[in-house]
Amino acid sequence: MSVLDVLKNEGYHPRLRGGRAREGARELEIELKYFDGAPVIREISRVSKPGRRVYASVRNLPRINNGLGVAIVSTPKGVMADHDARDANVGGEILCTVF
């Protein structure tokens, strides 16, 4: 849910409906954003995986396509975008990248 909040703050999806429970599992319904008939999210890739966690200090946080994309980072201050983590001067686990 925190990752979706970051994507919403970055403008990648306009609306999020959530919380429907189905057989003990929670479902989230996300409406993706389109611009001129093409989806705004061109590429999304998972960085940290259960077998391989990727951590970065504030100095080593990646810049995705020279700042056009965003890396979502789990920090001690919460889940945030890479530019917000730089402003807060914290590093953490890189969850995924979005362009």
N, C-alpha and C. Protein backbone atom coordinates (compact mmCIF):
# COMPACT_ATOMS: atom_id res chain seq x y z
N MET A 1 0.83 -1.18 0.00
CA MET A 1 0.00 0.00 0.00
C MET A 1 0.88 1.26 0.00
N SER A 2 2.01 1.21 0.69
CA SER A 2 2.91 2.36 0.74
C SER A 2 3.52 2.67 -0.62
N VAL A 3 3.83 1.62 -1.39
CA VAL A 3 4.38 1.80 -2.73
C VAL A 3 3.34 2.50 -3.61
N LEU A 4 2.09 2.11 -3.48
CA LEU A 4 1.04 2.75 -4.28
C LEU A 4 0.84 4.21 -3.88
N ASP A 5 1.02 4.51 -2.60
CA ASP A 5 0.93 5.91 -2.16
C ASP A 5 2.03 6.75 -2.80
N VAL A 6 3.24 6.19 -2.89
CA VAL A 6 4.34 6.91 -3.53
C VAL A 6 4.04 7.13 -5.01
N LEU A 7 3.53 6.09 -5.69
CA LEU A 7 3.18 6.23 -7.11
C LEU A 7 2.10 7.28 -7.31
N LYS A 8 1.15 7.33 -6.40
CA LYS A 8 0.08 8.34 -6.51
C LYS A 8 0.65 9.74 -6.32
N ASN A 9 1.55 9.91 -5.34
CA ASN A 9 2.16 11.22 -5.11
C ASN A 9 3.02 11.66 -6.29
N GLU A 10 3.61 10.71 -7.00
CA GLU A 10 4.43 11.03 -8.16
C GLU A 10 3.61 11.23 -9.43
N GLY A 11 2.31 10.97 -9.36
CA GLY A 11 1.43 11.22 -10.50
C GLY A 11 1.31 10.08 -11.49
N TYR A 12 1.64 8.86 -11.06
CA TYR A 12 1.58 7.73 -11.99
C TYR A 12 0.20 7.10 -12.07
N HIS A 13 -0.62 7.25 -11.06
CA HIS A 13 -1.99 6.77 -11.16
C HIS A 13 -2.90 7.72 -10.40
N PRO A 14 -4.04 8.06 -11.00
CA PRO A 14 -4.88 9.07 -10.39
C PRO A 14 -5.80 8.56 -9.29
N ARG A 15 -6.21 7.29 -9.36
CA ARG A 15 -7.21 6.83 -8.41
C ARG A 15 -6.89 5.43 -7.91
N LEU A 16 -7.16 5.23 -6.63
CA LEU A 16 -6.90 3.94 -6.00
C LEU A 16 -8.13 3.59 -5.18
N ARG A 17 -8.70 2.45 -5.50
CA ARG A 17 -9.81 1.91 -4.70
C ARG A 17 -9.28 0.66 -4.04
N GLY A 18 -9.52 0.54 -2.76
CA GLY A 18 -8.93 -0.62 -2.12
C GLY A 18 -9.76 -1.20 -1.02
N GLY A 19 -9.20 -2.29 -0.50
CA GLY A 19 -9.76 -2.86 0.70
C GLY A 19 -10.80 -3.94 0.52
N ARG A 20 -11.10 -4.38 -0.68
CA ARG A 20 -12.06 -5.47 -0.83
C ARG A 20 -11.40 -6.76 -0.38
N ALA A 21 -12.07 -7.44 0.52
CA ALA A 21 -11.53 -8.71 1.01
C ALA A 21 -12.16 -9.86 0.23
N ARG A 22 -11.32 -10.75 -0.22
CA ARG A 22 -11.79 -11.92 -0.97
C ARG A 22 -11.07 -13.13 -0.41
N GLU A 23 -11.80 -14.00 0.25
CA GLU A 23 -11.25 -15.24 0.80
C GLU A 23 -9.99 -14.99 1.64
N GLY A 24 -10.03 -13.99 2.48
CA GLY A 24 -8.91 -13.70 3.36
C GLY A 24 -7.80 -12.88 2.73
N ALA A 25 -7.91 -12.58 1.45
CA ALA A 25 -6.89 -11.77 0.77
C ALA A 25 -7.47 -10.40 0.46
N ARG A 26 -6.63 -9.39 0.53
CA ARG A 26 -7.05 -8.04 0.22
C ARG A 26 -6.77 -7.71 -1.23
N GLU A 27 -7.69 -7.05 -1.88
CA GLU A 27 -7.51 -6.65 -3.27
C GLU A 27 -7.48 -5.14 -3.36
N LEU A 28 -6.65 -4.65 -4.24
CA LEU A 28 -6.59 -3.22 -4.53
C LEU A 28 -6.89 -3.02 -6.00
N GLU A 29 -7.70 -2.06 -6.30
CA GLU A 29 -8.03 -1.76 -7.69
C GLU A 29 -7.39 -0.43 -8.05
N ILE A 30 -6.51 -0.46 -9.03
CA ILE A 30 -5.75 0.73 -9.42
C ILE A 30 -6.14 1.13 -10.83
N GLU A 31 -6.45 2.40 -10.98
CA GLU A 31 -6.72 2.93 -12.31
C GLU A 31 -5.45 3.62 -12.80
N LEU A 32 -4.85 3.09 -13.85
CA LEU A 32 -3.60 3.66 -14.35
C LEU A 32 -3.87 4.90 -15.17
N LYS A 33 -2.89 5.74 -15.22
CA LYS A 33 -2.99 7.02 -15.93
C LYS A 33 -2.49 6.86 -17.36
N TYR A 34 -3.20 7.46 -18.29
CA TYR A 34 -2.83 7.45 -19.70
C TYR A 34 -2.65 8.87 -20.19
N PHE A 35 -1.72 9.04 -21.13
CA PHE A 35 -1.50 10.35 -21.75
C PHE A 35 -1.40 10.13 -23.25
N ASP A 36 -2.26 10.76 -24.01
CA ASP A 36 -2.34 10.59 -25.47
C ASP A 36 -2.49 9.13 -25.87
N GLY A 37 -3.27 8.38 -25.11
CA GLY A 37 -3.54 6.99 -25.43
C GLY A 37 -2.46 6.00 -25.03
N ALA A 38 -1.37 6.47 -24.48
CA ALA A 38 -0.28 5.58 -24.05
C ALA A 38 -0.19 5.60 -22.52
N PRO A 39 0.13 4.47 -21.90
CA PRO A 39 0.25 4.46 -20.44
C PRO A 39 1.43 5.32 -19.98
N VAL A 40 1.24 5.97 -18.84
CA VAL A 40 2.30 6.83 -18.29
C VAL A 40 3.47 5.98 -17.79
N ILE A 41 3.19 4.81 -17.20
CA ILE A 41 4.25 3.92 -16.75
C ILE A 41 4.72 3.10 -17.95
N ARG A 42 5.94 3.34 -18.38
CA ARG A 42 6.49 2.60 -19.51
C ARG A 42 7.21 1.34 -19.04
N GLU A 43 7.86 1.44 -17.91
CA GLU A 43 8.65 0.31 -17.40
C GLU A 43 8.64 0.33 -15.89
N ILE A 44 8.40 -0.81 -15.29
CA ILE A 44 8.50 -0.96 -13.84
C ILE A 44 9.26 -2.26 -13.58
N SER A 45 10.26 -2.19 -12.73
CA SER A 45 11.06 -3.39 -12.47
C SER A 45 11.37 -3.50 -10.99
N ARG A 46 11.33 -4.71 -10.51
CA ARG A 46 11.61 -4.99 -9.11
C ARG A 46 13.13 -5.08 -8.93
N VAL A 47 13.65 -4.42 -7.91
CA VAL A 47 15.09 -4.43 -7.67
C VAL A 47 15.43 -5.41 -6.56
N SER A 48 14.89 -5.19 -5.36
CA SER A 48 15.13 -6.11 -4.25
C SER A 48 14.21 -7.30 -4.38
N LYS A 49 14.76 -8.47 -4.14
CA LYS A 49 14.00 -9.71 -4.20
C LYS A 49 14.23 -10.46 -2.90
N PRO A 50 13.40 -11.44 -2.59
CA PRO A 50 13.60 -12.16 -1.32
C PRO A 50 14.99 -12.79 -1.18
N GLY A 51 15.58 -13.24 -2.26
CA GLY A 51 16.90 -13.85 -2.19
C GLY A 51 18.05 -12.87 -2.29
N ARG A 52 17.75 -11.64 -2.71
CA ARG A 52 18.81 -10.65 -2.91
C ARG A 52 18.27 -9.26 -2.61
N ARG A 53 18.61 -8.76 -1.46
CA ARG A 53 18.18 -7.42 -1.07
C ARG A 53 19.22 -6.41 -1.54
N VAL A 54 18.74 -5.28 -2.04
CA VAL A 54 19.64 -4.24 -2.54
C VAL A 54 19.46 -2.99 -1.68
N TYR A 55 20.53 -2.59 -1.02
CA TYR A 55 20.51 -1.41 -0.16
C TYR A 55 21.43 -0.35 -0.74
N ALA A 56 21.10 0.91 -0.48
CA ALA A 56 21.93 2.01 -0.95
C ALA A 56 21.95 3.12 0.09
N SER A 57 23.11 3.73 0.24
CA SER A 57 23.20 4.90 1.11
C SER A 57 22.64 6.10 0.36
N VAL A 58 22.49 7.19 1.04
CA VAL A 58 21.91 8.37 0.41
C VAL A 58 22.76 8.85 -0.77
N ARG A 59 24.07 8.66 -0.68
CA ARG A 59 24.96 9.08 -1.78
C ARG A 59 24.86 8.16 -2.99
N ASN A 60 24.47 6.90 -2.77
CA ASN A 60 24.44 5.92 -3.85
C ASN A 60 23.04 5.61 -4.37
N LEU A 61 22.04 6.41 -4.01
CA LEU A 61 20.69 6.18 -4.53
C LEU A 61 20.69 6.40 -6.04
N PRO A 62 20.07 5.51 -6.79
CA PRO A 62 20.11 5.63 -8.25
C PRO A 62 19.22 6.75 -8.76
N ARG A 63 19.62 7.32 -9.88
CA ARG A 63 18.78 8.28 -10.61
C ARG A 63 18.28 7.54 -11.84
N ILE A 64 16.99 7.43 -11.97
CA ILE A 64 16.39 6.67 -13.06
C ILE A 64 16.18 7.59 -14.25
N ASN A 65 16.85 7.29 -15.34
CA ASN A 65 16.79 8.08 -16.58
C ASN A 65 16.97 9.57 -16.32
N ASN A 66 18.04 9.90 -15.62
CA ASN A 66 18.40 11.30 -15.30
C ASN A 66 17.29 12.06 -14.59
N GLY A 67 16.58 11.37 -13.71
CA GLY A 67 15.55 12.02 -12.91
C GLY A 67 14.16 11.97 -13.52
N LEU A 68 14.00 11.41 -14.71
CA LEU A 68 12.67 11.32 -15.31
C LEU A 68 11.85 10.20 -14.67
N GLY A 69 12.51 9.17 -14.18
CA GLY A 69 11.85 8.07 -13.49
C GLY A 69 12.04 8.21 -11.99
N VAL A 70 11.58 7.21 -11.28
CA VAL A 70 11.68 7.26 -9.82
C VAL A 70 12.05 5.87 -9.29
N ALA A 71 12.88 5.86 -8.26
CA ALA A 71 13.18 4.63 -7.53
C ALA A 71 12.43 4.71 -6.21
N ILE A 72 11.74 3.65 -5.85
CA ILE A 72 10.99 3.62 -4.60
C ILE A 72 11.86 2.94 -3.56
N VAL A 73 12.07 3.64 -2.43
CA VAL A 73 13.03 3.21 -1.42
C VAL A 73 12.32 3.04 -0.08
N SER A 74 12.60 1.94 0.60
CA SER A 74 12.10 1.72 1.95
C SER A 74 13.17 2.20 2.93
N THR A 75 12.86 3.25 3.65
CA THR A 75 13.82 3.88 4.56
C THR A 75 13.33 3.73 6.00
N PRO A 76 14.17 4.07 6.98
CA PRO A 76 13.70 4.08 8.36
C PRO A 76 12.58 5.10 8.60
N LYS A 77 12.45 6.09 7.73
CA LYS A 77 11.40 7.10 7.85
C LYS A 77 10.17 6.76 7.01
N GLY A 78 10.12 5.56 6.43
CA GLY A 78 8.98 5.13 5.64
C GLY A 78 9.36 4.91 4.18
N VAL A 79 8.39 4.47 3.40
CA VAL A 79 8.60 4.23 1.98
C VAL A 79 8.46 5.57 1.26
N MET A 80 9.45 5.89 0.42
CA MET A 80 9.43 7.18 -0.28
C MET A 80 10.17 7.09 -1.60
N ALA A 81 10.00 8.12 -2.42
CA ALA A 81 10.70 8.20 -3.70
C ALA A 81 12.16 8.56 -3.44
N ASP A 82 13.01 8.29 -4.43
CA ASP A 82 14.45 8.52 -4.26
C ASP A 82 14.77 9.99 -4.00
N HIS A 83 14.08 10.90 -4.65
CA HIS A 83 14.39 12.33 -4.43
C HIS A 83 13.95 12.78 -3.04
N ASP A 84 12.87 12.19 -2.51
CA ASP A 84 12.46 12.51 -1.14
C ASP A 84 13.45 11.94 -0.13
N ALA A 85 14.01 10.76 -0.41
CA ALA A 85 15.01 10.16 0.46
C ALA A 85 16.28 11.01 0.48
N ARG A 86 16.65 11.57 -0.67
CA ARG A 86 17.82 12.45 -0.71
C ARG A 86 17.56 13.71 0.12
N ASP A 87 16.36 14.27 0.01
CA ASP A 87 16.01 15.46 0.79
C ASP A 87 16.01 15.17 2.29
N ALA A 88 15.58 13.96 2.69
CA ALA A 88 15.55 13.57 4.10
C ALA A 88 16.90 13.04 4.57
N ASN A 89 17.85 12.89 3.65
CA ASN A 89 19.21 12.42 3.94
C ASN A 89 19.21 11.02 4.55
N VAL A 90 18.42 10.12 3.94
CA VAL A 90 18.38 8.73 4.39
C VAL A 90 18.52 7.79 3.20
N GLY A 91 19.10 6.65 3.45
CA GLY A 91 19.19 5.60 2.45
C GLY A 91 18.28 4.46 2.87
N GLY A 92 18.34 3.36 2.14
CA GLY A 92 17.51 2.23 2.49
C GLY A 92 17.50 1.18 1.42
N GLU A 93 16.48 0.32 1.47
CA GLU A 93 16.34 -0.77 0.52
C GLU A 93 15.60 -0.27 -0.73
N ILE A 94 16.18 -0.50 -1.88
CA ILE A 94 15.56 -0.09 -3.14
C ILE A 94 14.56 -1.18 -3.55
N LEU A 95 13.28 -0.83 -3.53
CA LEU A 95 12.24 -1.81 -3.81
C LEU A 95 12.03 -2.00 -5.31
N CYS A 96 11.85 -0.89 -6.04
CA CYS A 96 11.61 -1.00 -7.48
C CYS A 96 11.94 0.33 -8.14
N THR A 97 12.00 0.28 -9.47
CA THR A 97 12.20 1.49 -10.27
C THR A 97 11.05 1.62 -11.24
N VAL A 98 10.65 2.85 -11.50
CA VAL A 98 9.52 3.14 -12.39
C VAL A 98 9.94 4.21 -13.37
N PHE A 99 9.61 3.97 -14.64
CA PHE A 99 9.87 4.98 -15.67
C PHE A 99 8.68 5.04 -16.59
